[in-house]
Amino acid sequence: MNIGDMFYLEWHKRRLTLHDVARKIGWSALHLSQIETGRVLPLKRYSLSKLCELYGHQTILLFCFVLF
């Protein structure tokens, strides 16, 4: 499982659409889709923080997940 898979599962678990999540965090749906498919990594702390806030995860755990 990669970080994109984890985010995908989270928004499905909350019955959100890709567009719902993108709108809530201020990204385009295309950018969010690229993260989910592994084409782009959300390495900026601010980007991860927005997703973590939406999903209720701790940012530091996701940084470890992305970096290792």
Protein backbone atom coordinates (compact mmCIF):
# COMPACT_ATOMS: atom_id res chain seq x y z
CA MET A 1 0.00 0.00 0.00
CA ASN A 2 1.31 3.44 -0.87
CA ILE A 3 0.26 6.85 0.43
CA GLY A 4 -2.11 7.35 -2.50
CA ASP A 5 -3.90 4.11 -1.70
CA MET A 6 -4.27 5.21 1.89
CA PHE A 7 -5.82 8.55 0.90
CA TYR A 8 -8.11 6.82 -1.59
CA LEU A 9 -9.40 4.46 1.09
CA GLU A 10 -9.94 7.35 3.50
CA TRP A 11 -12.16 9.38 1.20
CA HIS A 12 -14.13 6.31 0.20
CA LYS A 13 -14.59 5.38 3.85
CA ARG A 14 -16.05 8.86 4.45
CA ARG A 15 -18.28 8.60 1.35
CA LEU A 16 -16.63 11.57 -0.31
CA THR A 17 -15.82 11.98 -3.98
CA LEU A 18 -12.44 12.96 -5.36
CA HIS A 19 -13.92 16.36 -6.17
CA ASP A 20 -15.24 16.77 -2.60
CA VAL A 21 -11.80 16.15 -1.13
CA ALA A 22 -10.05 18.37 -3.68
CA ARG A 23 -12.45 21.23 -2.97
CA LYS A 24 -12.06 20.90 0.81
CA ILE A 25 -8.28 21.06 0.70
CA GLY A 26 -7.99 23.57 -2.13
CA TRP A 27 -6.36 21.33 -4.74
CA SER A 28 -7.48 20.32 -8.17
CA ALA A 29 -9.03 16.90 -8.56
CA LEU A 30 -6.31 16.14 -11.13
CA HIS A 31 -3.52 16.81 -8.61
CA LEU A 32 -5.20 14.67 -5.97
CA SER A 33 -5.68 11.89 -8.51
CA GLN A 34 -1.99 12.04 -9.42
CA ILE A 35 -1.09 11.60 -5.74
CA GLU A 36 -3.40 8.60 -5.46
CA THR A 37 -1.90 6.92 -8.51
CA GLY A 38 1.66 7.58 -7.36
CA ARG A 39 2.58 9.96 -10.17
CA VAL A 40 3.18 12.79 -7.68
CA LEU A 41 4.20 12.68 -4.02
CA PRO A 42 2.74 15.28 -1.61
CA LEU A 43 6.10 16.15 -0.04
CA LYS A 44 5.20 19.64 1.14
CA ARG A 45 4.30 19.74 4.80
CA TYR A 46 1.39 22.09 4.14
CA SER A 47 -0.08 19.67 1.60
CA LEU A 48 0.15 16.70 3.93
CA SER A 49 -1.21 18.77 6.80
CA LYS A 50 -4.37 19.59 4.86
CA LEU A 51 -5.02 15.94 4.05
CA CYS A 52 -4.21 14.85 7.59
CA GLU A 53 -6.58 17.44 9.02
CA LEU A 54 -9.38 16.26 6.73
CA TYR A 55 -8.79 12.58 7.54
CA GLY A 56 -7.82 12.96 11.20
CA HIS A 57 -4.29 11.55 10.88
CA GLN A 58 -1.09 12.78 12.47
CA THR A 59 1.11 14.53 9.91
CA ILE A 60 4.35 13.14 11.31
CA LEU A 61 3.21 9.56 10.70
CA LEU A 62 2.47 10.34 7.07
CA PHE A 63 5.88 11.98 6.61
CA CYS A 64 7.47 8.75 7.80
CA PHE A 65 5.24 6.78 5.44
CA VAL A 66 6.20 8.97 2.47
CA LEU A 67 9.92 9.07 3.19
CA PHE A 68 10.50 5.38 3.94
